[in-house]
């Protein structure tokens, strides 16, 4: 059997970048995967088409992570379609990278709504029905531990909140046999942080391996944490950053 055979997963922000890679990897491992998206219906449709072509069941759900009602609805739709959720991957995220003096309260509200509140809301909704062996995996950032350059104050602030949330939730859900973990990517080549972007060379300079990561590096870490092999890994952060924080 595949490692995630007969498991049901929900991935937020799963239509592109790291999210799409996570969706595809979990499906390859045997899971039935639902995912949310907020923009790019064509990209969401492409992910569905790829999975269905390969014989996987899937469901794409239009849901804005900034809207708590939409997040809860996505959980409900997944359960209605597949009966339950065994694995939640909180992947949806947003970043405003600019000088500190230029941030607006709108930037702050949207960043915290997507990067923090949505994680709280989705985790709470899913935790109510998770059973023994359930998994909650959240995508944070290595910037929660170390900020190597300017313009990341708001983003790093939001991602650092996930570190404490992960530890607290681990205490709450551990007695029920549910593991809770954080994956902290470093520079990964996506449309949000392209390897040929204006800040890429500076980021590469801090990476011990000297290059950006690939979305599949993050998907592999998530798949491992979702698997039975990771059953005793709980309340911790797995940093996948090529040595940026070393």
C-alpha atoms as a PDB file:
ATOM      1  CA  UNK A   1       0.000   0.000   0.000  1.00  0.00           C
ATOM      2  CA  UNK A   2       1.007   3.599  -0.524  1.00  0.00           C
ATOM      3  CA  UNK A   3       1.806   5.551   2.630  1.00  0.00           C
ATOM      4  CA  UNK A   4      -1.394   7.618   2.554  1.00  0.00           C
ATOM      5  CA  UNK A   5      -3.761   5.056   1.079  1.00  0.00           C
ATOM      6  CA  UNK A   6      -7.398   5.698   2.117  1.00  0.00           C
ATOM      7  CA  UNK A   7      -6.541   9.060   3.712  1.00  0.00           C
ATOM      8  CA  UNK A   8      -8.502  12.255   3.008  1.00  0.00           C
ATOM      9  CA  UNK A   9      -6.542  15.512   2.859  1.00  0.00           C
ATOM     10  CA  UNK A  10      -7.447  19.181   2.580  1.00  0.00           C
ATOM     11  CA  UNK A  11      -4.786  21.611   1.369  1.00  0.00           C
ATOM     12  CA  UNK A  12      -5.459  25.346   1.505  1.00  0.00           C
ATOM     13  CA  UNK A  13      -4.038  27.379  -1.364  1.00  0.00           C
ATOM     14  CA  UNK A  14      -3.424  24.328  -3.525  1.00  0.00           C
ATOM     15  CA  UNK A  15      -3.721  25.574  -7.088  1.00  0.00           C
ATOM     16  CA  UNK A  16      -0.158  26.770  -7.669  1.00  0.00           C
ATOM     17  CA  UNK A  17       3.385  26.788  -6.360  1.00  0.00           C
ATOM     18  CA  UNK A  18       4.103  24.838  -3.205  1.00  0.00           C
ATOM     19  CA  UNK A  19       0.410  24.154  -2.687  1.00  0.00           C
ATOM     20  CA  UNK A  20      -0.036  22.443  -6.046  1.00  0.00           C
ATOM     21  CA  UNK A  21       3.111  20.387  -5.467  1.00  0.00           C
ATOM     22  CA  UNK A  22       1.782  19.310  -2.064  1.00  0.00           C
ATOM     23  CA  UNK A  23      -1.599  18.350  -3.530  1.00  0.00           C
ATOM     24  CA  UNK A  24       0.038  16.234  -6.241  1.00  0.00           C
ATOM     25  CA  UNK A  25       2.482  14.556  -3.854  1.00  0.00           C
ATOM     26  CA  UNK A  26      -0.215  13.609  -1.335  1.00  0.00           C
ATOM     27  CA  UNK A  27      -2.277  12.152  -4.186  1.00  0.00           C
ATOM     28  CA  UNK A  28       0.736  10.175  -5.423  1.00  0.00           C
ATOM     29  CA  UNK A  29       1.093   8.801  -1.901  1.00  0.00           C
ATOM     30  CA  UNK A  30      -2.473   7.493  -2.112  1.00  0.00           C
ATOM     31  CA  UNK A  31      -4.551  10.252  -0.482  1.00  0.00           C
ATOM     32  CA  UNK A  32      -7.763  11.706  -1.823  1.00  0.00           C
ATOM     33  CA  UNK A  33      -7.086  15.437  -1.853  1.00  0.00           C
ATOM     34  CA  UNK A  34      -9.335  18.492  -1.781  1.00  0.00           C
ATOM     35  CA  UNK A  35      -7.773  21.912  -2.120  1.00  0.00           C
ATOM     36  CA  UNK A  36      -8.817  25.539  -2.013  1.00  0.00           C
ATOM     37  CA  UNK A  37      -7.961  28.381  -4.336  1.00  0.00           C
ATOM     38  CA  UNK A  38      -8.901  32.046  -4.524  1.00  0.00           C
ATOM     39  CA  UNK A  39      -7.517  33.164  -7.896  1.00  0.00           C
ATOM     40  CA  UNK A  40      -6.512  31.372 -11.058  1.00  0.00           C
ATOM     41  CA  UNK A  41      -9.417  29.047 -11.717  1.00  0.00           C
ATOM     42  CA  UNK A  42      -7.526  27.832 -14.775  1.00  0.00           C
ATOM     43  CA  UNK A  43      -4.604  26.676 -12.627  1.00  0.00           C
ATOM     44  CA  UNK A  44      -6.967  24.937 -10.225  1.00  0.00           C
ATOM     45  CA  UNK A  45      -8.647  23.205 -13.142  1.00  0.00           C
ATOM     46  CA  UNK A  46      -5.257  22.095 -14.448  1.00  0.00           C
ATOM     47  CA  UNK A  47      -4.388  20.502 -11.112  1.00  0.00           C
ATOM     48  CA  UNK A  48      -7.738  18.681 -11.077  1.00  0.00           C
ATOM     49  CA  UNK A  49      -7.275  17.517 -14.670  1.00  0.00           C
ATOM     50  CA  UNK A  50      -3.795  16.175 -13.928  1.00  0.00           C
ATOM     51  CA  UNK A  51      -4.929  14.258 -10.858  1.00  0.00           C
ATOM     52  CA  UNK A  52      -8.014  12.840 -12.525  1.00  0.00           C
ATOM     53  CA  UNK A  53      -5.962  11.770 -15.540  1.00  0.00           C
ATOM     54  CA  UNK A  54      -3.747   9.829 -13.156  1.00  0.00           C
ATOM     55  CA  UNK A  55      -6.776   8.180 -11.563  1.00  0.00           C
ATOM     56  CA  UNK A  56      -7.023  10.250  -8.386  1.00  0.00           C
ATOM     57  CA  UNK A  57     -10.176  11.664  -6.827  1.00  0.00           C
ATOM     58  CA  UNK A  58      -9.956  15.352  -6.029  1.00  0.00           C
ATOM     59  CA  UNK A  59     -12.017  18.468  -5.378  1.00  0.00           C
ATOM     60  CA  UNK A  60     -11.142  22.122  -6.031  1.00  0.00           C
ATOM     61  CA  UNK A  61     -12.962  24.580  -3.764  1.00  0.00           C
ATOM     62  CA  UNK A  62     -13.127  28.328  -4.368  1.00  0.00           C
ATOM     63  CA  UNK A  63     -12.458  29.815  -0.931  1.00  0.00           C
ATOM     64  CA  UNK A  64     -10.737  33.030   0.112  1.00  0.00           C
ATOM     65  CA  UNK A  65      -8.455  32.276   3.065  1.00  0.00           C
ATOM     66  CA  UNK A  66      -9.066  35.818   4.323  1.00  0.00           C
ATOM     67  CA  UNK A  67     -12.749  34.947   4.869  1.00  0.00           C
ATOM     68  CA  UNK A  68     -13.294  32.684   7.907  1.00  0.00           C
ATOM     69  CA  UNK A  69     -16.723  31.621   6.672  1.00  0.00           C
ATOM     70  CA  UNK A  70     -15.212  30.491   3.375  1.00  0.00           C
ATOM     71  CA  UNK A  71     -12.516  28.523   5.195  1.00  0.00           C
ATOM     72  CA  UNK A  72     -15.093  26.719   7.334  1.00  0.00           C
ATOM     73  CA  UNK A  73     -17.223  26.088   4.256  1.00  0.00           C
ATOM     74  CA  UNK A  74     -14.239  24.466   2.513  1.00  0.00           C
ATOM     75  CA  UNK A  75     -13.852  22.082   5.456  1.00  0.00           C
ATOM     76  CA  UNK A  76     -17.566  21.271   5.342  1.00  0.00           C
ATOM     77  CA  UNK A  77     -17.496  20.693   1.563  1.00  0.00           C
ATOM     78  CA  UNK A  78     -14.542  18.344   1.864  1.00  0.00           C
ATOM     79  CA  UNK A  79     -16.282  16.297   4.535  1.00  0.00           C
ATOM     80  CA  UNK A  80     -19.520  16.271   2.527  1.00  0.00           C
ATOM     81  CA  UNK A  81     -17.678  15.001  -0.545  1.00  0.00           C
ATOM     82  CA  UNK A  82     -15.356  12.449   1.056  1.00  0.00           C
ATOM     83  CA  UNK A  83     -16.813  11.701   4.490  1.00  0.00           C
ATOM     84  CA  UNK A  84     -14.037  13.057   6.723  1.00  0.00           C
ATOM     85  CA  UNK A  85     -10.631  14.757   6.812  1.00  0.00           C
ATOM     86  CA  UNK A  86      -7.533  12.935   8.040  1.00  0.00           C
ATOM     87  CA  UNK A  87      -4.876  15.463   7.012  1.00  0.00           C
ATOM     88  CA  UNK A  88      -5.040  19.251   6.982  1.00  0.00           C
ATOM     89  CA  UNK A  89      -2.274  21.232   5.294  1.00  0.00           C
ATOM     90  CA  UNK A  90      -2.468  24.952   6.040  1.00  0.00           C
ATOM     91  CA  UNK A  91      -0.562  26.262   3.034  1.00  0.00           C
ATOM     92  CA  UNK A  92      -2.341  29.436   1.895  1.00  0.00           C
ATOM     93  CA  UNK A  93      -0.216  32.496   2.491  1.00  0.00           C
ATOM     94  CA  UNK A  94       0.436  36.042   1.399  1.00  0.00           C
ATOM     95  CA  UNK A  95       3.416  38.390   1.575  1.00  0.00           C
ATOM     96  CA  UNK A  96       3.831  42.148   1.291  1.00  0.00           C
ATOM     97  CA  UNK A  97       7.546  42.906   1.038  1.00  0.00           C
ATOM     98  CA  UNK A  98       8.206  46.614   1.413  1.00  0.00           C
ATOM     99  CA  UNK A  99       9.928  49.165   3.668  1.00  0.00           C
ATOM    100  CA  UNK A 100       8.412  49.174   7.145  1.00  0.00           C
ATOM    101  CA  UNK A 101       7.228  52.791   6.870  1.00  0.00           C
ATOM    102  CA  UNK A 102       5.172  51.936   3.780  1.00  0.00           C
ATOM    103  CA  UNK A 103       3.011  49.193   5.282  1.00  0.00           C
ATOM    104  CA  UNK A 104      -0.664  50.066   5.576  1.00  0.00           C
ATOM    105  CA  UNK A 105      -3.180  48.780   8.065  1.00  0.00           C
ATOM    106  CA  UNK A 106      -4.830  47.040   5.128  1.00  0.00           C
ATOM    107  CA  UNK A 107      -1.554  45.193   4.484  1.00  0.00           C
ATOM    108  CA  UNK A 108      -1.431  44.211   8.149  1.00  0.00           C
ATOM    109  CA  UNK A 109      -5.044  43.029   8.309  1.00  0.00           C
ATOM    110  CA  UNK A 110      -4.843  40.945   5.144  1.00  0.00           C
ATOM    111  CA  UNK A 111      -1.509  39.396   6.120  1.00  0.00           C
ATOM    112  CA  UNK A 112      -2.752  38.376   9.544  1.00  0.00           C
ATOM    113  CA  UNK A 113      -6.111  37.202   8.190  1.00  0.00           C
ATOM    114  CA  UNK A 114      -4.516  34.870   5.641  1.00  0.00           C
ATOM    115  CA  UNK A 115      -1.312  33.805   7.390  1.00  0.00           C
ATOM    116  CA  UNK A 116      -2.628  33.473  10.947  1.00  0.00           C
ATOM    117  CA  UNK A 117      -6.405  33.663  11.343  1.00  0.00           C
ATOM    118  CA  UNK A 118      -7.098  31.244   8.475  1.00  0.00           C
ATOM    119  CA  UNK A 119      -4.732  28.703  10.044  1.00  0.00           C
ATOM    120  CA  UNK A 120      -6.541  29.026  13.373  1.00  0.00           C
ATOM    121  CA  UNK A 121      -9.979  28.735  11.774  1.00  0.00           C
ATOM    122  CA  UNK A 122      -9.181  25.773   9.511  1.00  0.00           C
ATOM    123  CA  UNK A 123      -7.353  23.906  12.250  1.00  0.00           C
ATOM    124  CA  UNK A 124     -10.196  24.381  14.698  1.00  0.00           C
ATOM    125  CA  UNK A 125     -12.831  23.270  12.186  1.00  0.00           C
ATOM    126  CA  UNK A 126     -10.862  20.182  11.199  1.00  0.00           C
ATOM    127  CA  UNK A 127      -9.788  19.315  14.764  1.00  0.00           C
ATOM    128  CA  UNK A 128     -13.420  18.905  15.774  1.00  0.00           C
ATOM    129  CA  UNK A 129     -13.666  15.770  13.635  1.00  0.00           C
ATOM    130  CA  UNK A 130     -10.090  14.449  13.442  1.00  0.00           C
ATOM    131  CA  UNK A 131      -9.497  11.028  14.894  1.00  0.00           C
ATOM    132  CA  UNK A 132      -6.479   9.173  16.218  1.00  0.00           C
ATOM    133  CA  UNK A 133      -3.666   9.407  13.652  1.00  0.00           C
ATOM    134  CA  UNK A 134      -4.904  12.712  12.279  1.00  0.00           C
ATOM    135  CA  UNK A 135      -2.432  15.259  11.006  1.00  0.00           C
ATOM    136  CA  UNK A 136      -2.325  19.052  10.975  1.00  0.00           C
ATOM    137  CA  UNK A 137       0.631  20.446   9.038  1.00  0.00           C
ATOM    138  CA  UNK A 138       1.168  24.172   8.605  1.00  0.00           C
ATOM    139  CA  UNK A 139       3.498  25.913   6.174  1.00  0.00           C
ATOM    140  CA  UNK A 140       5.441  28.594   8.018  1.00  0.00           C
ATOM    141  CA  UNK A 141       8.719  30.207   6.996  1.00  0.00           C
ATOM    142  CA  UNK A 142      12.369  30.136   7.979  1.00  0.00           C
ATOM    143  CA  UNK A 143      11.901  33.887   8.438  1.00  0.00           C
ATOM    144  CA  UNK A 144      10.150  33.122  11.708  1.00  0.00           C
ATOM    145  CA  UNK A 145      13.607  32.265  13.046  1.00  0.00           C
ATOM    146  CA  UNK A 146      15.915  34.549  11.111  1.00  0.00           C
ATOM    147  CA  UNK A 147      15.325  37.584   8.882  1.00  0.00           C
ATOM    148  CA  UNK A 148      18.399  38.052   6.707  1.00  0.00           C
ATOM    149  CA  UNK A 149      17.341  41.217   4.879  1.00  0.00           C
ATOM    150  CA  UNK A 150      14.944  44.153   4.834  1.00  0.00           C
ATOM    151  CA  UNK A 151      11.287  44.356   3.791  1.00  0.00           C
ATOM    152  CA  UNK A 152      10.106  41.202   5.572  1.00  0.00           C
ATOM    153  CA  UNK A 153       8.967  42.618   8.897  1.00  0.00           C
ATOM    154  CA  UNK A 154       5.238  42.023   8.490  1.00  0.00           C
ATOM    155  CA  UNK A 155       5.618  38.626   6.831  1.00  0.00           C
ATOM    156  CA  UNK A 156       8.080  37.334   9.424  1.00  0.00           C
ATOM    157  CA  UNK A 157       5.827  38.619  12.212  1.00  0.00           C
ATOM    158  CA  UNK A 158       2.891  36.629  10.866  1.00  0.00           C
ATOM    159  CA  UNK A 159       4.918  33.462  10.373  1.00  0.00           C
ATOM    160  CA  UNK A 160       6.443  33.635  13.847  1.00  0.00           C
ATOM    161  CA  UNK A 161       2.920  33.490  15.298  1.00  0.00           C
ATOM    162  CA  UNK A 162       2.588  30.022  13.767  1.00  0.00           C
ATOM    163  CA  UNK A 163       5.496  28.732  15.839  1.00  0.00           C
ATOM    164  CA  UNK A 164       3.683  29.349  19.131  1.00  0.00           C
ATOM    165  CA  UNK A 165       0.356  28.238  17.666  1.00  0.00           C
ATOM    166  CA  UNK A 166       1.947  24.955  16.580  1.00  0.00           C
ATOM    167  CA  UNK A 167       3.331  24.294  20.056  1.00  0.00           C
ATOM    168  CA  UNK A 168       0.083  25.146  21.828  1.00  0.00           C
ATOM    169  CA  UNK A 169      -2.043  23.090  19.454  1.00  0.00           C
ATOM    170  CA  UNK A 170       0.309  20.140  19.864  1.00  0.00           C
ATOM    171  CA  UNK A 171      -0.431  20.166  23.600  1.00  0.00           C
ATOM    172  CA  UNK A 172      -4.164  20.381  22.976  1.00  0.00           C
ATOM    173  CA  UNK A 173      -4.429  17.635  20.362  1.00  0.00           C
ATOM    174  CA  UNK A 174      -1.600  15.285  21.291  1.00  0.00           C
ATOM    175  CA  UNK A 175      -3.672  13.367  23.876  1.00  0.00           C
ATOM    176  CA  UNK A 176      -6.077  12.504  21.033  1.00  0.00           C
ATOM    177  CA  UNK A 177      -3.318  10.969  18.921  1.00  0.00           C
ATOM    178  CA  UNK A 178      -3.287  13.885  16.458  1.00  0.00           C
ATOM    179  CA  UNK A 179       0.116  15.200  15.433  1.00  0.00           C
ATOM    180  CA  UNK A 180       0.678  18.881  14.735  1.00  0.00           C
ATOM    181  CA  UNK A 181       3.783  20.126  12.948  1.00  0.00           C
ATOM    182  CA  UNK A 182       5.206  23.081  11.078  1.00  0.00           C
ATOM    183  CA  UNK A 183       7.212  23.116   7.847  1.00  0.00           C
ATOM    184  CA  UNK A 184       9.406  26.202   7.464  1.00  0.00           C
ATOM    185  CA  UNK A 185      10.570  26.683   3.865  1.00  0.00           C
ATOM    186  CA  UNK A 186      13.475  28.854   2.887  1.00  0.00           C
ATOM    187  CA  UNK A 187      13.763  30.447  -0.568  1.00  0.00           C
ATOM    188  CA  UNK A 188      11.724  28.250  -2.910  1.00  0.00           C
ATOM    189  CA  UNK A 189      11.258  29.001  -6.588  1.00  0.00           C
ATOM    190  CA  UNK A 190       7.606  30.052  -6.923  1.00  0.00           C
ATOM    191  CA  UNK A 191       5.776  32.934  -8.538  1.00  0.00           C
ATOM    192  CA  UNK A 192       5.677  34.613  -5.104  1.00  0.00           C
ATOM    193  CA  UNK A 193       9.464  34.377  -4.727  1.00  0.00           C
ATOM    194  CA  UNK A 194      10.986  33.490  -8.123  1.00  0.00           C
ATOM    195  CA  UNK A 195      14.578  32.345  -8.366  1.00  0.00           C
ATOM    196  CA  UNK A 196      15.155  35.094 -10.930  1.00  0.00           C
ATOM    197  CA  UNK A 197      13.358  37.810  -8.938  1.00  0.00           C
ATOM    198  CA  UNK A 198      14.840  41.122  -7.788  1.00  0.00           C
ATOM    199  CA  UNK A 199      15.752  39.815  -4.323  1.00  0.00           C
ATOM    200  CA  UNK A 200      16.831  36.322  -5.374  1.00  0.00           C
ATOM    201  CA  UNK A 201      20.585  36.876  -5.501  1.00  0.00           C
ATOM    202  CA  UNK A 202      20.621  38.318  -1.995  1.00  0.00           C
ATOM    203  CA  UNK A 203      18.658  35.349  -0.658  1.00  0.00           C
ATOM    204  CA  UNK A 204      20.898  32.840  -2.411  1.00  0.00           C
ATOM    205  CA  UNK A 205      23.896  34.487  -0.776  1.00  0.00           C
ATOM    206  CA  UNK A 206      22.602  33.359   2.626  1.00  0.00           C
ATOM    207  CA  UNK A 207      21.749  29.790   1.568  1.00  0.00           C
ATOM    208  CA  UNK A 208      24.524  27.350   2.442  1.00  0.00           C
ATOM    209  CA  UNK A 209      23.704  25.139  -0.557  1.00  0.00           C
ATOM    210  CA  UNK A 210      23.838  28.194  -2.784  1.00  0.00           C
ATOM    211  CA  UNK A 211      20.570  27.721  -4.645  1.00  0.00           C
ATOM    212  CA  UNK A 212      16.811  28.036  -4.319  1.00  0.00           C
ATOM    213  CA  UNK A 213      14.730  25.066  -3.286  1.00  0.00           C
ATOM    214  CA  UNK A 214      12.132  23.364  -5.472  1.00  0.00           C
ATOM    215  CA  UNK A 215       8.462  23.065  -4.604  1.00  0.00           C
ATOM    216  CA  UNK A 216       8.893  19.300  -4.498  1.00  0.00           C
ATOM    217  CA  UNK A 217      11.316  19.700  -1.585  1.00  0.00           C
ATOM    218  CA  UNK A 218       8.478  21.117   0.492  1.00  0.00           C
ATOM    219  CA  UNK A 219       5.932  18.613  -0.793  1.00  0.00           C
ATOM    220  CA  UNK A 220       8.221  15.752   0.241  1.00  0.00           C
ATOM    221  CA  UNK A 221       8.528  17.136   3.768  1.00  0.00           C
ATOM    222  CA  UNK A 222       4.750  17.476   4.059  1.00  0.00           C
ATOM    223  CA  UNK A 223       4.161  13.965   2.748  1.00  0.00           C
ATOM    224  CA  UNK A 224       6.607  12.580   5.313  1.00  0.00           C
ATOM    225  CA  UNK A 225       4.952  14.406   8.209  1.00  0.00           C
ATOM    226  CA  UNK A 226       1.564  13.155   7.020  1.00  0.00           C
ATOM    227  CA  UNK A 227       2.774   9.566   6.891  1.00  0.00           C
ATOM    228  CA  UNK A 228       2.808   6.840   9.567  1.00  0.00           C
ATOM    229  CA  UNK A 229       6.621   7.105   9.725  1.00  0.00           C
ATOM    230  CA  UNK A 230       6.233  10.520  11.347  1.00  0.00           C
ATOM    231  CA  UNK A 231       3.830   9.357  14.034  1.00  0.00           C
ATOM    232  CA  UNK A 232       6.173  10.386  16.873  1.00  0.00           C
ATOM    233  CA  UNK A 233       7.109  13.760  15.404  1.00  0.00           C
ATOM    234  CA  UNK A 234       4.881  16.280  17.105  1.00  0.00           C
ATOM    235  CA  UNK A 235       4.850  19.953  17.996  1.00  0.00           C
ATOM    236  CA  UNK A 236       8.018  20.710  16.098  1.00  0.00           C
ATOM    237  CA  UNK A 237       9.214  22.710  13.096  1.00  0.00           C
ATOM    238  CA  UNK A 238      10.929  21.075  10.140  1.00  0.00           C
ATOM    239  CA  UNK A 239      13.018  23.742   8.441  1.00  0.00           C
ATOM    240  CA  UNK A 240      13.683  23.145   4.733  1.00  0.00           C
ATOM    241  CA  UNK A 241      15.875  26.074   3.769  1.00  0.00           C
ATOM    242  CA  UNK A 242      19.090  24.788   2.216  1.00  0.00           C
ATOM    243  CA  UNK A 243      20.986  25.900   5.290  1.00  0.00           C
ATOM    244  CA  UNK A 244      19.873  29.540   5.291  1.00  0.00           C
ATOM    245  CA  UNK A 245      19.403  29.429   9.056  1.00  0.00           C
ATOM    246  CA  UNK A 246      22.465  27.302   9.736  1.00  0.00           C
END
